[in-house]
Amino acid sequence: MGINNNNTRDLEDSQVNFIEQIMKYEDGQMEWEDVVSFFQALIDTGFILNLQGHYQRTAQTLIDAGQITFKGNAH
């Protein structure tokens, strides 16, 4: 028995997509609506936890402003 890696392609694709979006965000190449969608996706997927503190602080600012939502843990 080994590790089931049948679904790793989906994970790799989403990580590549986030990396492309991070590069656009950091280069200032995103419209405001794209920034909001990007941060919502980072929150929804939990990928934001893999990024430096700037992203968490910006996400918190967007949450406080009502631009994005955080549903919290379902536990």
PDB file of N, CA and C in Angstrom:
ATOM      1  N   MET A   1       0.837  -1.187   0.000  1.00  0.00           N
ATOM      2  CA  MET A   1       0.000   0.000   0.000  1.00  0.00           C
ATOM      3  C   MET A   1       0.874   1.239   0.000  1.00  0.00           C
ATOM      4  N   GLY A   2       0.434   2.212  -0.748  1.00  0.00           N
ATOM      5  CA  GLY A   2       1.156   3.464  -0.799  1.00  0.00           C
ATOM      6  C   GLY A   2       0.198   4.622  -0.645  1.00  0.00           C
ATOM      7  N   ILE A   3       0.736   5.774  -0.763  1.00  0.00           N
ATOM      8  CA  ILE A   3      -0.079   6.975  -0.678  1.00  0.00           C
ATOM      9  C   ILE A   3      -0.868   7.116  -1.968  1.00  0.00           C
ATOM     10  N   ASN A   4      -2.151   7.394  -1.847  1.00  0.00           N
ATOM     11  CA  ASN A   4      -2.992   7.613  -3.013  1.00  0.00           C
ATOM     12  C   ASN A   4      -2.730   9.021  -3.524  1.00  0.00           C
ATOM     13  N   ASN A   5      -2.111   9.097  -4.675  1.00  0.00           N
ATOM     14  CA  ASN A   5      -1.787  10.416  -5.222  1.00  0.00           C
ATOM     15  C   ASN A   5      -2.565  10.700  -6.500  1.00  0.00           C
ATOM     16  N   ASN A   6      -3.718  10.072  -6.652  1.00  0.00           N
ATOM     17  CA  ASN A   6      -4.522  10.264  -7.854  1.00  0.00           C
ATOM     18  C   ASN A   6      -5.017  11.696  -7.996  1.00  0.00           C
ATOM     19  N   ASN A   7      -5.203  12.402  -6.904  1.00  0.00           N
ATOM     20  CA  ASN A   7      -5.768  13.749  -6.952  1.00  0.00           C
ATOM     21  C   ASN A   7      -4.722  14.847  -6.820  1.00  0.00           C
ATOM     22  N   THR A   8      -3.456  14.508  -6.891  1.00  0.00           N
ATOM     23  CA  THR A   8      -2.431  15.532  -6.705  1.00  0.00           C
ATOM     24  C   THR A   8      -2.414  16.529  -7.847  1.00  0.00           C
ATOM     25  N   ARG A   9      -2.871  16.148  -9.010  1.00  0.00           N
ATOM     26  CA  ARG A   9      -2.871  17.071 -10.149  1.00  0.00           C
ATOM     27  C   ARG A   9      -3.766  18.275  -9.858  1.00  0.00           C
ATOM     28  N   ASP A  10      -4.947  18.042  -9.264  1.00  0.00           N
ATOM     29  CA  ASP A  10      -5.834  19.148  -8.923  1.00  0.00           C
ATOM     30  C   ASP A  10      -5.167  20.097  -7.948  1.00  0.00           C
ATOM     31  N   LEU A  11      -4.486  19.550  -6.945  1.00  0.00           N
ATOM     32  CA  LEU A  11      -3.790  20.383  -5.964  1.00  0.00           C
ATOM     33  C   LEU A  11      -2.684  21.180  -6.635  1.00  0.00           C
ATOM     34  N   GLU A  12      -1.919  20.525  -7.497  1.00  0.00           N
ATOM     35  CA  GLU A  12      -0.842  21.214  -8.189  1.00  0.00           C
ATOM     36  C   GLU A  12      -1.388  22.331  -9.068  1.00  0.00           C
ATOM     37  N   ASP A  13      -2.496  22.074  -9.767  1.00  0.00           N
ATOM     38  CA  ASP A  13      -3.092  23.096 -10.622  1.00  0.00           C
ATOM     39  C   ASP A  13      -3.539  24.302  -9.810  1.00  0.00           C
ATOM     40  N   SER A  14      -4.156  24.067  -8.655  1.00  0.00           N
ATOM     41  CA  SER A  14      -4.624  25.191  -7.847  1.00  0.00           C
ATOM     42  C   SER A  14      -3.446  25.973  -7.275  1.00  0.00           C
ATOM     43  N   GLN A  15      -2.366  25.282  -6.916  1.00  0.00           N
ATOM     44  CA  GLN A  15      -1.195  25.986  -6.408  1.00  0.00           C
ATOM     45  C   GLN A  15      -0.557  26.841  -7.493  1.00  0.00           C
ATOM     46  N   VAL A  16      -0.486  26.315  -8.705  1.00  0.00           N
ATOM     47  CA  VAL A  16       0.064  27.081  -9.821  1.00  0.00           C
ATOM     48  C   VAL A  16      -0.810  28.302 -10.069  1.00  0.00           C
ATOM     49  N   ASN A  17      -2.131  28.126 -10.022  1.00  0.00           N
ATOM     50  CA  ASN A  17      -3.049  29.237 -10.215  1.00  0.00           C
ATOM     51  C   ASN A  17      -2.831  30.308  -9.149  1.00  0.00           C
ATOM     52  N   PHE A  18      -2.679  29.901  -7.883  1.00  0.00           N
ATOM     53  CA  PHE A  18      -2.427  30.869  -6.822  1.00  0.00           C
ATOM     54  C   PHE A  18      -1.100  31.578  -7.026  1.00  0.00           C
ATOM     55  N   ILE A  19      -0.105  30.861  -7.457  1.00  0.00           N
ATOM     56  CA  ILE A  19       1.201  31.483  -7.681  1.00  0.00           C
ATOM     57  C   ILE A  19       1.098  32.544  -8.770  1.00  0.00           C
ATOM     58  N   GLU A  20       0.380  32.232  -9.848  1.00  0.00           N
ATOM     59  CA  GLU A  20       0.179  33.221 -10.905  1.00  0.00           C
ATOM     60  C   GLU A  20      -0.573  34.437 -10.376  1.00  0.00           C
ATOM     61  N   GLN A  21      -1.600  34.207  -9.564  1.00  0.00           N
ATOM     62  CA  GLN A  21      -2.367  35.314  -9.004  1.00  0.00           C
ATOM     63  C   GLN A  21      -1.522  36.131  -8.027  1.00  0.00           C
ATOM     64  N   ILE A  22      -0.702  35.473  -7.232  1.00  0.00           N
ATOM     65  CA  ILE A  22       0.182  36.174  -6.298  1.00  0.00           C
ATOM     66  C   ILE A  22       1.114  37.104  -7.071  1.00  0.00           C
ATOM     67  N   MET A  23       1.674  36.606  -8.162  1.00  0.00           N
ATOM     68  CA  MET A  23       2.578  37.434  -8.967  1.00  0.00           C
ATOM     69  C   MET A  23       1.842  38.652  -9.526  1.00  0.00           C
ATOM     70  N   LYS A  24       0.625  38.458 -10.021  1.00  0.00           N
ATOM     71  CA  LYS A  24      -0.155  39.586 -10.532  1.00  0.00           C
ATOM     72  C   LYS A  24      -0.478  40.572  -9.414  1.00  0.00           C
ATOM     73  N   TYR A  25      -0.885  40.052  -8.251  1.00  0.00           N
ATOM     74  CA  TYR A  25      -1.216  40.908  -7.114  1.00  0.00           C
ATOM     75  C   TYR A  25      -0.010  41.733  -6.691  1.00  0.00           C
ATOM     76  N   GLU A  26       1.123  41.074  -6.532  1.00  0.00           N
ATOM     77  CA  GLU A  26       2.319  41.763  -6.057  1.00  0.00           C
ATOM     78  C   GLU A  26       2.878  42.739  -7.086  1.00  0.00           C
ATOM     79  N   ASP A  27       2.583  42.505  -8.360  1.00  0.00           N
ATOM     80  CA  ASP A  27       3.016  43.432  -9.409  1.00  0.00           C
ATOM     81  C   ASP A  27       2.007  44.548  -9.651  1.00  0.00           C
ATOM     82  N   GLY A  28       0.897  44.551  -8.895  1.00  0.00           N
ATOM     83  CA  GLY A  28      -0.110  45.579  -9.048  1.00  0.00           C
ATOM     84  C   GLY A  28      -0.912  45.465 -10.331  1.00  0.00           C
ATOM     85  N   GLN A  29      -1.043  44.246 -10.853  1.00  0.00           N
ATOM     86  CA  GLN A  29      -1.719  44.025 -12.127  1.00  0.00           C
ATOM     87  C   GLN A  29      -3.149  43.521 -11.976  1.00  0.00           C
ATOM     88  N   MET A  30      -3.737  43.653 -10.770  1.00  0.00           N
ATOM     89  CA  MET A  30      -5.104  43.195 -10.542  1.00  0.00           C
ATOM     90  C   MET A  30      -6.029  44.376 -10.350  1.00  0.00           C
ATOM     91  N   GLU A  31      -7.206  44.269 -10.932  1.00  0.00           N
ATOM     92  CA  GLU A  31      -8.269  45.232 -10.660  1.00  0.00           C
ATOM     93  C   GLU A  31      -8.796  44.955  -9.249  1.00  0.00           C
ATOM     94  N   TRP A  32      -9.482  45.931  -8.646  1.00  0.00           N
ATOM     95  CA  TRP A  32      -9.975  45.778  -7.276  1.00  0.00           C
ATOM     96  C   TRP A  32     -10.861  44.537  -7.114  1.00  0.00           C
ATOM     97  N   GLU A  33     -11.745  44.301  -8.062  1.00  0.00           N
ATOM     98  CA  GLU A  33     -12.638  43.143  -7.984  1.00  0.00           C
ATOM     99  C   GLU A  33     -11.850  41.831  -7.986  1.00  0.00           C
ATOM    100  N   ASP A  34     -10.752  41.805  -8.744  1.00  0.00           N
ATOM    101  CA  ASP A  34      -9.898  40.623  -8.794  1.00  0.00           C
ATOM    102  C   ASP A  34      -9.170  40.412  -7.472  1.00  0.00           C
ATOM    103  N   VAL A  35      -8.754  41.515  -6.847  1.00  0.00           N
ATOM    104  CA  VAL A  35      -8.088  41.425  -5.537  1.00  0.00           C
ATOM    105  C   VAL A  35      -9.047  40.844  -4.512  1.00  0.00           C
ATOM    106  N   VAL A  36     -10.272  41.334  -4.497  1.00  0.00           N
ATOM    107  CA  VAL A  36     -11.270  40.839  -3.540  1.00  0.00           C
ATOM    108  C   VAL A  36     -11.538  39.354  -3.781  1.00  0.00           C
ATOM    109  N   SER A  37     -11.724  38.956  -5.024  1.00  0.00           N
ATOM    110  CA  SER A  37     -11.962  37.541  -5.357  1.00  0.00           C
ATOM    111  C   SER A  37     -10.764  36.678  -4.983  1.00  0.00           C
ATOM    112  N   PHE A  38      -9.577  37.188  -5.236  1.00  0.00           N
ATOM    113  CA  PHE A  38      -8.337  36.486  -4.915  1.00  0.00           C
ATOM    114  C   PHE A  38      -8.241  36.222  -3.411  1.00  0.00           C
ATOM    115  N   PHE A  39      -8.479  37.247  -2.610  1.00  0.00           N
ATOM    116  CA  PHE A  39      -8.390  37.068  -1.158  1.00  0.00           C
ATOM    117  C   PHE A  39      -9.509  36.173  -0.631  1.00  0.00           C
ATOM    118  N   GLN A  40     -10.683  36.249  -1.230  1.00  0.00           N
ATOM    119  CA  GLN A  40     -11.757  35.347  -0.809  1.00  0.00           C
ATOM    120  C   GLN A  40     -11.368  33.907  -1.098  1.00  0.00           C
ATOM    121  N   ALA A  41     -10.770  33.657  -2.254  1.00  0.00           N
ATOM    122  CA  ALA A  41     -10.325  32.305  -2.599  1.00  0.00           C
ATOM    123  C   ALA A  41      -9.214  31.835  -1.659  1.00  0.00           C
ATOM    124  N   LEU A  42      -8.300  32.737  -1.300  1.00  0.00           N
ATOM    125  CA  LEU A  42      -7.237  32.366  -0.357  1.00  0.00           C
ATOM    126  C   LEU A  42      -7.822  31.955   0.984  1.00  0.00           C
ATOM    127  N   ILE A  43      -8.853  32.665   1.433  1.00  0.00           N
ATOM    128  CA  ILE A  43      -9.516  32.343   2.699  1.00  0.00           C
ATOM    129  C   ILE A  43     -10.271  31.027   2.575  1.00  0.00           C
ATOM    130  N   ASP A  44     -11.071  30.899   1.514  1.00  0.00           N
ATOM    131  CA  ASP A  44     -11.927  29.718   1.339  1.00  0.00           C
ATOM    132  C   ASP A  44     -11.130  28.422   1.254  1.00  0.00           C
ATOM    133  N   THR A  45      -9.973  28.472   0.621  1.00  0.00           N
ATOM    134  CA  THR A  45      -9.167  27.269   0.436  1.00  0.00           C
ATOM    135  C   THR A  45      -8.200  27.018   1.586  1.00  0.00           C
ATOM    136  N   GLY A  46      -7.969  28.039   2.408  1.00  0.00           N
ATOM    137  CA  GLY A  46      -6.987  27.926   3.477  1.00  0.00           C
ATOM    138  C   GLY A  46      -5.563  28.168   2.999  1.00  0.00           C
ATOM    139  N   PHE A  47      -5.394  28.433   1.711  1.00  0.00           N
ATOM    140  CA  PHE A  47      -4.059  28.648   1.159  1.00  0.00           C
ATOM    141  C   PHE A  47      -3.377  29.854   1.780  1.00  0.00           C
ATOM    142  N   ILE A  48      -4.179  30.768   2.301  1.00  0.00           N
ATOM    143  CA  ILE A  48      -3.631  31.977   2.908  1.00  0.00           C
ATOM    144  C   ILE A  48      -2.680  31.655   4.057  1.00  0.00           C
ATOM    145  N   LEU A  49      -2.878  30.521   4.701  1.00  0.00           N
ATOM    146  CA  LEU A  49      -2.026  30.131   5.827  1.00  0.00           C
ATOM    147  C   LEU A  49      -0.611  29.794   5.386  1.00  0.00           C
ATOM    148  N   ASN A  50      -0.413  29.587   4.085  1.00  0.00           N
ATOM    149  CA  ASN A  50       0.916  29.287   3.548  1.00  0.00           C
ATOM    150  C   ASN A  50       1.682  30.546   3.169  1.00  0.00           C
ATOM    151  N   LEU A  51       1.055  31.693   3.301  1.00  0.00           N
ATOM    152  CA  LEU A  51       1.653  32.936   2.827  1.00  0.00           C
ATOM    153  C   LEU A  51       2.130  33.812   3.979  1.00  0.00           C
ATOM    154  N   GLN A  52       2.944  34.792   3.649  1.00  0.00           N
ATOM    155  CA  GLN A  52       3.492  35.690   4.664  1.00  0.00           C
ATOM    156  C   GLN A  52       2.395  36.553   5.295  1.00  0.00           C
ATOM    157  N   GLY A  53       2.707  37.166   6.398  1.00  0.00           N
ATOM    158  CA  GLY A  53       1.758  37.908   7.217  1.00  0.00           C
ATOM    159  C   GLY A  53       0.994  39.004   6.502  1.00  0.00           C
ATOM    160  N   HIS A  54       1.574  39.608   5.493  1.00  0.00           N
ATOM    161  CA  HIS A  54       0.883  40.660   4.742  1.00  0.00           C
ATOM    162  C   HIS A  54      -0.477  40.174   4.257  1.00  0.00           C
ATOM    163  N   TYR A  55      -0.516  38.945   3.795  1.00  0.00           N
ATOM    164  CA  TYR A  55      -1.753  38.404   3.241  1.00  0.00           C
ATOM    165  C   TYR A  55      -2.814  38.222   4.319  1.00  0.00           C
ATOM    166  N   GLN A  56      -2.416  37.736   5.490  1.00  0.00           N
ATOM    167  CA  GLN A  56      -3.377  37.593   6.586  1.00  0.00           C
ATOM    168  C   GLN A  56      -3.889  38.955   7.052  1.00  0.00           C
ATOM    169  N   ARG A  57      -2.994  39.929   7.152  1.00  0.00           N
ATOM    170  CA  ARG A  57      -3.404  41.269   7.583  1.00  0.00           C
ATOM    171  C   ARG A  57      -4.331  41.922   6.558  1.00  0.00           C
ATOM    172  N   THR A  58      -4.014  41.769   5.293  1.00  0.00           N
ATOM    173  CA  THR A  58      -4.868  42.328   4.245  1.00  0.00           C
ATOM    174  C   THR A  58      -6.224  41.635   4.240  1.00  0.00           C
ATOM    175  N   ALA A  59      -6.241  40.320   4.393  1.00  0.00           N
ATOM    176  CA  ALA A  59      -7.502  39.585   4.450  1.00  0.00           C
ATOM    177  C   ALA A  59      -8.337  40.057   5.633  1.00  0.00           C
ATOM    178  N   GLN A  60      -7.706  40.272   6.780  1.00  0.00           N
ATOM    179  CA  GLN A  60      -8.444  40.745   7.952  1.00  0.00           C
ATOM    180  C   GLN A  60      -9.035  42.129   7.697  1.00  0.00           C
ATOM    181  N   THR A  61      -8.284  42.986   7.037  1.00  0.00           N
ATOM    182  CA  THR A  61      -8.794  44.309   6.691  1.00  0.00           C
ATOM    183  C   THR A  61     -10.001  44.196   5.767  1.00  0.00           C
ATOM    184  N   LEU A  62      -9.925  43.306   4.792  1.00  0.00           N
ATOM    185  CA  LEU A  62     -11.048  43.107   3.871  1.00  0.00           C
ATOM    186  C   LEU A  62     -12.260  42.504   4.581  1.00  0.00           C
ATOM    187  N   ILE A  63     -12.025  41.619   5.534  1.00  0.00           N
ATOM    188  CA  ILE A  63     -13.116  41.050   6.330  1.00  0.00           C
ATOM    189  C   ILE A  63     -13.773  42.156   7.155  1.00  0.00           C
ATOM    190  N   ASP A  64     -12.956  42.948   7.840  1.00  0.00           N
ATOM    191  CA  ASP A  64     -13.477  44.041   8.668  1.00  0.00           C
ATOM    192  C   ASP A  64     -14.277  45.051   7.846  1.00  0.00           C
ATOM    193  N   ALA A  65     -13.879  45.244   6.579  1.00  0.00           N
ATOM    194  CA  ALA A  65     -14.565  46.187   5.700  1.00  0.00           C
ATOM    195  C   ALA A  65     -15.798  45.572   5.028  1.00  0.00           C
ATOM    196  N   GLY A  66     -16.025  44.277   5.272  1.00  0.00           N
ATOM    197  CA  GLY A  66     -17.180  43.612   4.678  1.00  0.00           C
ATOM    198  C   GLY A  66     -16.996  43.242   3.216  1.00  0.00           C
ATOM    199  N   GLN A  67     -15.754  43.255   2.736  1.00  0.00           N
ATOM    200  CA  GLN A  67     -15.478  42.921   1.337  1.00  0.00           C
ATOM    201  C   GLN A  67     -15.416  41.416   1.098  1.00  0.00           C
ATOM    202  N   ILE A  68     -14.918  40.671   2.092  1.00  0.00           N
ATOM    203  CA  ILE A  68     -14.871  39.219   2.027  1.00  0.00           C
ATOM    204  C   ILE A  68     -15.394  38.658   3.336  1.00  0.00           C
ATOM    205  N   THR A  69     -15.635  37.358   3.362  1.00  0.00           N
ATOM    206  CA  THR A  69     -16.155  36.723   4.572  1.00  0.00           C
ATOM    207  C   THR A  69     -15.274  35.552   4.984  1.00  0.00           C
ATOM    208  N   PHE A  70     -15.302  35.271   6.264  1.00  0.00           N
ATOM    209  CA  PHE A  70     -14.625  34.111   6.828  1.00  0.00           C
ATOM    210  C   PHE A  70     -15.664  33.334   7.621  1.00  0.00           C
ATOM    211  N   LYS A  71     -15.901  32.118   7.192  1.00  0.00           N
ATOM    212  CA  LYS A  71     -16.930  31.302   7.832  1.00  0.00           C
ATOM    213  C   LYS A  71     -16.447  30.632   9.108  1.00  0.00           C
ATOM    214  N   GLY A  72     -15.141  30.563   9.301  1.00  0.00           N
ATOM    215  CA  GLY A  72     -14.580  29.942  10.493  1.00  0.00           C
ATOM    216  C   GLY A  72     -14.592  28.436  10.421  1.00  0.00           C
ATOM    217  N   ASN A  73     -14.150  27.816  11.460  1.00  0.00           N
ATOM    218  CA  ASN A  73     -14.117  26.351  11.520  1.00  0.00           C
ATOM    219  C   ASN A  73     -15.492  25.791  11.741  1.00  0.00           C
ATOM    220  N   ALA A  74     -15.739  24.646  11.171  1.00  0.00           N
ATOM    221  CA  ALA A  74     -17.048  23.992  11.317  1.00  0.00           C
ATOM    222  C   ALA A  74     -17.064  23.064  12.533  1.00  0.00           C
ATOM    223  N   HIS A  75     -16.046  23.109  13.359  1.00  0.00           N
ATOM    224  CA  HIS A  75     -15.951  22.207  14.519  1.00  0.00           C
ATOM    225  C   HIS A  75     -16.869  22.647  15.633  1.00  0.00           C
TER     226      HIS A  75
END
